[in-house]
């Protein structure tokens, strides 16, 4: 049975307001009485009601993550890194996978005053979110590319990442490169790299596949069987990477002897593959550290004080890429 302040008061022979003052460090209680109450509370294994405390001071030591409903391992690893960085600063982390307005409402109800919200490029708040944002009194950081007035922002140079990937493969002699994915930013980087490097281009070298769709196995298989088959692939995410690697395995295709592969997002799983995979993406720990620095900053909250930072992606070269 949960121990309450009234239980401690009865054991100490004092009123429950006196117990409350003693445990909260408020004035009006002698040192001896305070120490006796604290000792009794510890003996009874008393757990403070943090929700009640928040009602009193409207502050928490908690960061709320408004996180996407995604199976992408990137978000799993990033949330773990944020939790670890928060713990080093004495902060707790709560994660909401609900729709953003509902998640923000829940954080408002629990007086969470620091929120990190992953929002993709082009995200637009709906009226329900705007209403909850008007009630929010703390500091909010948008990660991923979305924008919203009165919030900090960390974006990712996705276009530059894919451009760098094309240039890297071109330097190793690859002239026929295929991109699998549907990100507008990444496709821009791919097209820019193909044009600037004067590489071969065919319409089927871009295989559009929307996020959440299954790996377009038949389209890729048809491309592998065509006379214009590529020598390298750049893949938008780890889900498509797993699908492509399985297709390679089924066809006894070897990396990098037959094809080179670069995958967007550097997650540990790519390094643990049978053939470790070259990746490019935002460094996860750097993202987490930067986010916690912004959340813990004591700077003002005027619009001119809002951070607006673009993270450059980093390439990790492994055995899946080689010279043609």
Protein backbone atom coordinates (compact mmCIF):
# COMPACT_ATOMS: atom_id res chain seq x y z
CA UNK A 1 0.00 0.00 0.00
CA UNK A 2 1.34 3.43 -0.96
CA UNK A 3 2.58 5.55 1.96
CA UNK A 4 1.06 9.05 2.17
CA UNK A 5 2.01 12.25 3.98
CA UNK A 6 -0.78 11.56 6.48
CA UNK A 7 0.80 8.18 7.31
CA UNK A 8 4.11 9.89 8.03
CA UNK A 9 2.35 12.55 10.10
CA UNK A 10 0.71 9.90 12.28
CA UNK A 11 4.03 8.09 12.77
CA UNK A 12 5.83 11.35 13.61
CA UNK A 13 3.04 12.72 15.82
CA UNK A 14 2.77 15.97 13.85
CA UNK A 15 0.29 17.53 11.41
CA UNK A 16 0.45 16.64 7.72
CA UNK A 17 1.18 20.31 6.74
CA UNK A 18 4.28 20.04 8.95
CA UNK A 19 5.34 16.90 7.09
CA UNK A 20 4.79 18.64 3.76
CA UNK A 21 6.95 21.59 4.83
CA UNK A 22 9.69 19.31 6.12
CA UNK A 23 9.88 17.19 2.98
CA UNK A 24 9.73 20.18 0.62
CA UNK A 25 12.36 22.18 2.49
CA UNK A 26 9.90 24.95 3.36
CA UNK A 27 10.48 27.26 6.38
CA UNK A 28 8.56 26.93 9.63
CA UNK A 29 9.98 23.57 10.79
CA UNK A 30 12.90 23.17 13.17
CA UNK A 31 15.97 21.26 12.04
CA UNK A 32 15.39 18.47 14.56
CA UNK A 33 11.75 17.96 13.56
CA UNK A 34 12.62 18.12 9.87
CA UNK A 35 15.34 15.48 10.24
CA UNK A 36 13.05 13.19 12.23
CA UNK A 37 10.33 13.44 9.57
CA UNK A 38 12.82 12.78 6.75
CA UNK A 39 14.14 9.72 8.58
CA UNK A 40 10.62 8.35 9.12
CA UNK A 41 9.77 8.96 5.45
CA UNK A 42 12.84 6.99 4.39
CA UNK A 43 12.04 4.15 6.78
CA UNK A 44 8.49 3.95 5.42
CA UNK A 45 9.78 4.02 1.81
CA UNK A 46 7.76 7.15 1.01
CA UNK A 47 7.65 8.12 -2.69
CA UNK A 48 6.83 11.80 -3.30
CA UNK A 49 3.83 12.64 -5.45
CA UNK A 50 5.59 14.46 -8.28
CA UNK A 51 2.32 15.39 -9.95
CA UNK A 52 1.20 17.25 -6.82
CA UNK A 53 4.55 18.99 -6.62
CA UNK A 54 4.21 20.12 -10.22
CA UNK A 55 0.81 21.60 -9.44
CA UNK A 56 2.53 23.77 -6.84
CA UNK A 57 5.53 25.06 -8.80
CA UNK A 58 4.47 24.45 -12.46
CA UNK A 59 7.98 23.16 -13.23
CA UNK A 60 9.42 19.75 -13.99
CA UNK A 61 12.79 18.19 -14.57
CA UNK A 62 11.33 16.36 -17.55
CA UNK A 63 11.78 16.61 -21.31
CA UNK A 64 8.89 15.45 -23.46
CA UNK A 65 9.59 13.82 -26.83
CA UNK A 66 6.87 14.14 -29.46
CA UNK A 67 8.05 11.21 -31.54
CA UNK A 68 6.87 9.78 -34.88
CA UNK A 69 5.06 6.44 -35.13
CA UNK A 70 7.83 4.92 -37.18
CA UNK A 71 9.60 1.58 -37.24
CA UNK A 72 12.80 3.34 -38.33
CA UNK A 73 15.65 2.32 -36.05
CA UNK A 74 17.08 5.84 -36.30
CA UNK A 75 14.37 7.19 -33.99
CA UNK A 76 14.96 4.38 -31.51
CA UNK A 77 18.68 5.14 -31.28
CA UNK A 78 18.16 8.90 -31.18
CA UNK A 79 15.64 8.66 -28.33
CA UNK A 80 18.07 6.48 -26.37
CA UNK A 81 20.85 9.02 -26.87
CA UNK A 82 18.57 11.87 -25.79
CA UNK A 83 17.61 9.91 -22.68
CA UNK A 84 21.28 9.30 -21.83
CA UNK A 85 22.22 12.95 -22.34
CA UNK A 86 19.21 14.05 -20.28
CA UNK A 87 20.16 11.70 -17.43
CA UNK A 88 23.63 13.25 -17.31
CA UNK A 89 21.92 16.58 -16.67
CA UNK A 90 19.54 15.22 -14.04
CA UNK A 91 16.52 15.27 -16.37
CA UNK A 92 13.90 12.63 -17.08
CA UNK A 93 12.40 11.88 -20.50
CA UNK A 94 8.81 11.10 -21.45
CA UNK A 95 7.95 9.91 -24.97
CA UNK A 96 4.62 10.33 -26.73
CA UNK A 97 3.86 8.40 -29.91
CA UNK A 98 0.40 9.94 -30.14
CA UNK A 99 -0.61 12.42 -32.82
CA UNK A 100 1.25 15.71 -32.10
CA UNK A 101 -1.79 17.67 -30.78
CA UNK A 102 -2.76 14.85 -28.42
CA UNK A 103 0.82 14.34 -27.26
CA UNK A 104 1.30 18.07 -26.65
CA UNK A 105 -1.96 18.16 -24.67
CA UNK A 106 -0.74 15.33 -22.46
CA UNK A 107 2.54 17.13 -21.82
CA UNK A 108 0.63 20.33 -20.99
CA UNK A 109 -1.50 18.41 -18.49
CA UNK A 110 1.65 17.11 -16.80
CA UNK A 111 3.34 20.55 -16.85
CA UNK A 112 6.23 19.33 -19.01
CA UNK A 113 7.96 22.57 -19.87
CA UNK A 114 10.63 21.34 -22.34
CA UNK A 115 9.59 19.51 -25.48
CA UNK A 116 11.57 18.06 -28.40
CA UNK A 117 9.35 17.48 -31.41
CA UNK A 118 10.53 15.54 -34.48
CA UNK A 119 8.78 17.14 -37.45
CA UNK A 120 9.79 16.46 -41.07
CA UNK A 121 10.38 19.18 -43.69
CA UNK A 122 7.13 20.72 -44.86
CA UNK A 123 5.24 19.86 -41.67
CA UNK A 124 2.36 22.25 -40.99
CA UNK A 125 0.60 22.48 -37.60
CA UNK A 126 -3.15 21.95 -37.60
CA UNK A 127 -5.56 24.01 -35.50
CA UNK A 128 -5.59 21.45 -32.68
CA UNK A 129 -1.80 21.67 -32.37
CA UNK A 130 -1.83 25.48 -32.50
CA UNK A 131 -4.36 25.61 -29.64
CA UNK A 132 -2.20 23.35 -27.49
CA UNK A 133 0.92 25.33 -28.43
CA UNK A 134 -0.77 28.51 -27.18
CA UNK A 135 -1.25 26.83 -23.79
CA UNK A 136 2.36 25.63 -23.66
CA UNK A 137 4.53 27.85 -21.47
CA UNK A 138 7.95 26.25 -21.90
CA UNK A 139 10.70 25.72 -24.45
CA UNK A 140 10.12 23.74 -27.64
CA UNK A 141 12.65 22.41 -30.13
CA UNK A 142 11.67 21.18 -33.60
CA UNK A 143 14.07 18.58 -35.00
CA UNK A 144 14.10 17.19 -38.50
CA UNK A 145 13.20 20.17 -40.66
CA UNK A 146 9.81 21.54 -39.62
CA UNK A 147 9.41 25.19 -38.67
CA UNK A 148 7.14 26.97 -36.21
CA UNK A 149 7.34 30.50 -34.87
CA UNK A 150 8.57 30.74 -31.31
CA UNK A 151 10.47 27.44 -31.34
CA UNK A 152 14.08 26.38 -31.64
CA UNK A 153 15.00 24.38 -34.73
CA UNK A 154 17.52 21.75 -35.80
CA UNK A 155 17.33 20.72 -39.45
CA UNK A 156 19.34 18.15 -41.42
CA UNK A 157 21.12 18.70 -44.74
CA UNK A 158 19.62 15.64 -46.46
CA UNK A 159 20.18 16.99 -49.96
CA UNK A 160 23.87 17.56 -49.24
CA UNK A 161 24.17 14.02 -47.88
CA UNK A 162 22.95 12.36 -51.07
CA UNK A 163 24.98 14.76 -53.21
CA UNK A 164 28.11 13.77 -51.27
CA UNK A 165 27.23 10.10 -51.76
CA UNK A 166 26.99 10.52 -55.54
CA UNK A 167 30.32 12.35 -55.63
CA UNK A 168 31.99 9.66 -53.53
CA UNK A 169 30.79 6.88 -55.83
CA UNK A 170 31.74 8.88 -58.93
CA UNK A 171 35.28 9.28 -57.59
CA UNK A 172 35.47 5.47 -57.42
CA UNK A 173 34.50 5.10 -61.08
CA UNK A 174 30.73 4.55 -60.80
CA UNK A 175 28.81 6.18 -63.66
CA UNK A 176 25.45 4.39 -63.31
CA UNK A 177 23.94 4.99 -59.88
CA UNK A 178 20.37 4.32 -58.71
CA UNK A 179 18.56 6.13 -55.89
CA UNK A 180 15.74 4.28 -54.07
CA UNK A 181 13.44 6.51 -52.01
CA UNK A 182 10.93 9.32 -52.18
CA UNK A 183 12.43 12.24 -50.25
CA UNK A 184 12.23 15.45 -52.30
CA UNK A 185 15.35 16.85 -50.65
CA UNK A 186 17.34 13.68 -51.23
CA UNK A 187 16.25 13.42 -54.85
CA UNK A 188 17.42 17.01 -55.38
CA UNK A 189 20.83 16.09 -54.01
CA UNK A 190 20.94 13.01 -56.20
CA UNK A 191 20.04 14.93 -59.36
CA UNK A 192 22.56 17.67 -58.58
CA UNK A 193 25.32 15.10 -58.10
CA UNK A 194 24.47 13.25 -61.33
CA UNK A 195 24.50 16.49 -63.33
CA UNK A 196 27.65 17.98 -61.82
CA UNK A 197 29.58 14.71 -62.12
CA UNK A 198 28.26 14.22 -65.69
CA UNK A 199 27.12 10.69 -64.93
CA UNK A 200 24.80 8.49 -66.95
CA UNK A 201 21.15 9.14 -66.25
CA UNK A 202 18.02 7.19 -67.04
CA UNK A 203 14.56 7.70 -65.64
CA UNK A 204 14.62 4.26 -63.99
CA UNK A 205 17.74 5.24 -62.00
CA UNK A 206 15.34 6.93 -59.55
CA UNK A 207 12.99 4.37 -58.00
CA UNK A 208 10.43 6.34 -56.03
CA UNK A 209 9.12 4.48 -52.98
CA UNK A 210 7.13 6.31 -50.33
CA UNK A 211 8.00 6.01 -46.65
CA UNK A 212 6.07 3.11 -45.15
CA UNK A 213 5.76 1.29 -48.48
CA UNK A 214 7.37 -2.13 -48.81
CA UNK A 215 10.66 -2.42 -50.66
CA UNK A 216 9.99 -2.17 -54.44
CA UNK A 217 11.58 -5.54 -55.10
CA UNK A 218 10.15 -6.18 -58.57
CA UNK A 219 11.22 -2.77 -59.94
CA UNK A 220 14.72 -3.22 -58.56
CA UNK A 221 14.89 -6.81 -59.86
CA UNK A 222 13.82 -5.65 -63.33
CA UNK A 223 16.53 -3.00 -63.23
CA UNK A 224 19.16 -5.58 -62.27
CA UNK A 225 18.11 -7.64 -65.30
CA UNK A 226 18.22 -4.70 -67.73
CA UNK A 227 21.18 -3.86 -70.01
CA UNK A 228 21.43 -0.46 -68.29
CA UNK A 229 21.73 -1.91 -64.80
CA UNK A 230 23.60 0.34 -62.36
CA UNK A 231 26.85 -0.38 -60.56
CA UNK A 232 25.85 1.31 -57.29
CA UNK A 233 22.78 2.05 -55.17
CA UNK A 234 21.99 4.87 -52.75
CA UNK A 235 19.08 3.88 -50.52
CA UNK A 236 16.85 6.25 -48.56
CA UNK A 237 16.42 4.26 -45.34
CA UNK A 238 17.28 1.06 -43.51
CA UNK A 239 14.02 -0.70 -44.44
CA UNK A 240 14.82 -0.49 -48.14
CA UNK A 241 18.43 -1.40 -47.37
CA UNK A 242 17.34 -4.64 -45.71
CA UNK A 243 15.14 -5.40 -48.74
CA UNK A 244 17.94 -4.72 -51.21
CA UNK A 245 20.48 -6.76 -49.26
CA UNK A 246 18.03 -9.70 -49.15
CA UNK A 247 17.56 -9.43 -52.92
CA UNK A 248 21.34 -9.44 -53.36
CA UNK A 249 21.63 -12.50 -51.13
CA UNK A 250 18.87 -14.36 -53.01
CA UNK A 251 20.67 -13.69 -56.29
CA UNK A 252 24.12 -14.43 -54.85
CA UNK A 253 25.18 -10.86 -55.63
CA UNK A 254 28.29 -9.71 -53.76
CA UNK A 255 29.07 -6.28 -52.36
CA UNK A 256 31.12 -4.43 -53.43
CA UNK A 257 32.34 -6.75 -56.20
CA UNK A 258 29.04 -6.65 -58.12
CA UNK A 259 27.36 -3.56 -56.68
CA UNK A 260 28.24 -0.83 -54.21
CA UNK A 261 25.71 0.37 -51.63
CA UNK A 262 25.33 3.53 -49.50
CA UNK A 263 22.43 3.81 -47.03
CA UNK A 264 21.07 7.02 -45.53
CA UNK A 265 21.08 7.09 -41.67
CA UNK A 266 24.04 5.75 -39.75
CA UNK A 267 22.52 3.24 -37.35
CA UNK A 268 24.59 0.57 -35.56
CA UNK A 269 22.77 -2.23 -37.38
CA UNK A 270 24.39 -1.24 -40.69
CA UNK A 271 27.86 -1.84 -39.25
CA UNK A 272 26.79 -5.26 -37.93
CA UNK A 273 25.66 -6.62 -41.30
CA UNK A 274 27.52 -9.58 -42.84
CA UNK A 275 29.05 -7.03 -45.20
CA UNK A 276 29.23 -3.79 -43.14
CA UNK A 277 27.35 -1.08 -45.02
CA UNK A 278 28.62 2.40 -45.87
CA UNK A 279 26.23 5.00 -44.45
CA UNK A 280 25.66 8.72 -44.52
CA UNK A 281 23.42 10.65 -42.17
CA UNK A 282 23.23 12.99 -39.20
CA UNK A 283 25.44 11.82 -36.32
CA UNK A 284 22.97 10.63 -33.71
CA UNK A 285 24.97 11.51 -30.60
CA UNK A 286 25.75 14.99 -31.93
CA UNK A 287 22.04 15.56 -32.52
CA UNK A 288 21.22 14.47 -28.96
CA UNK A 289 23.94 16.60 -27.35
CA UNK A 290 22.94 19.68 -29.34
CA UNK A 291 19.26 19.18 -28.48
CA UNK A 292 20.02 18.94 -24.75
CA UNK A 293 22.28 22.01 -24.91
CA UNK A 294 19.39 23.97 -26.38
CA UNK A 295 16.91 22.57 -23.88
CA UNK A 296 19.21 23.39 -20.96
CA UNK A 297 20.24 26.85 -22.17
CA UNK A 298 19.46 29.80 -19.91
CA UNK A 299 19.20 32.26 -22.78
CA UNK A 300 16.09 34.32 -23.34
CA UNK A 301 13.03 33.10 -25.16
CA UNK A 302 12.46 36.00 -27.53
CA UNK A 303 12.22 35.23 -31.25
CA UNK A 304 15.72 36.66 -31.74
CA UNK A 305 17.06 34.11 -29.22
CA UNK A 306 15.73 31.05 -31.05
CA UNK A 307 18.39 28.63 -32.28
CA UNK A 308 18.19 27.66 -35.96
CA UNK A 309 20.91 25.12 -36.75
CA UNK A 310 21.45 22.86 -39.76
CA UNK A 311 23.31 19.62 -39.07
CA UNK A 312 25.63 18.32 -41.77
CA UNK A 313 25.62 14.59 -42.42
CA UNK A 314 28.69 12.40 -41.99
CA UNK A 315 29.76 9.48 -44.14
CA UNK A 316 31.04 6.24 -42.60
CA UNK A 317 32.82 4.21 -45.26
CA UNK A 318 32.62 0.43 -44.84
CA UNK A 319 32.99 -2.67 -46.99
CA UNK A 320 29.81 -2.26 -49.07
CA UNK A 321 31.44 0.31 -51.38
CA UNK A 322 34.46 -0.07 -53.63
CA UNK A 323 36.00 0.84 -56.94
CA UNK A 324 34.33 -0.32 -60.10
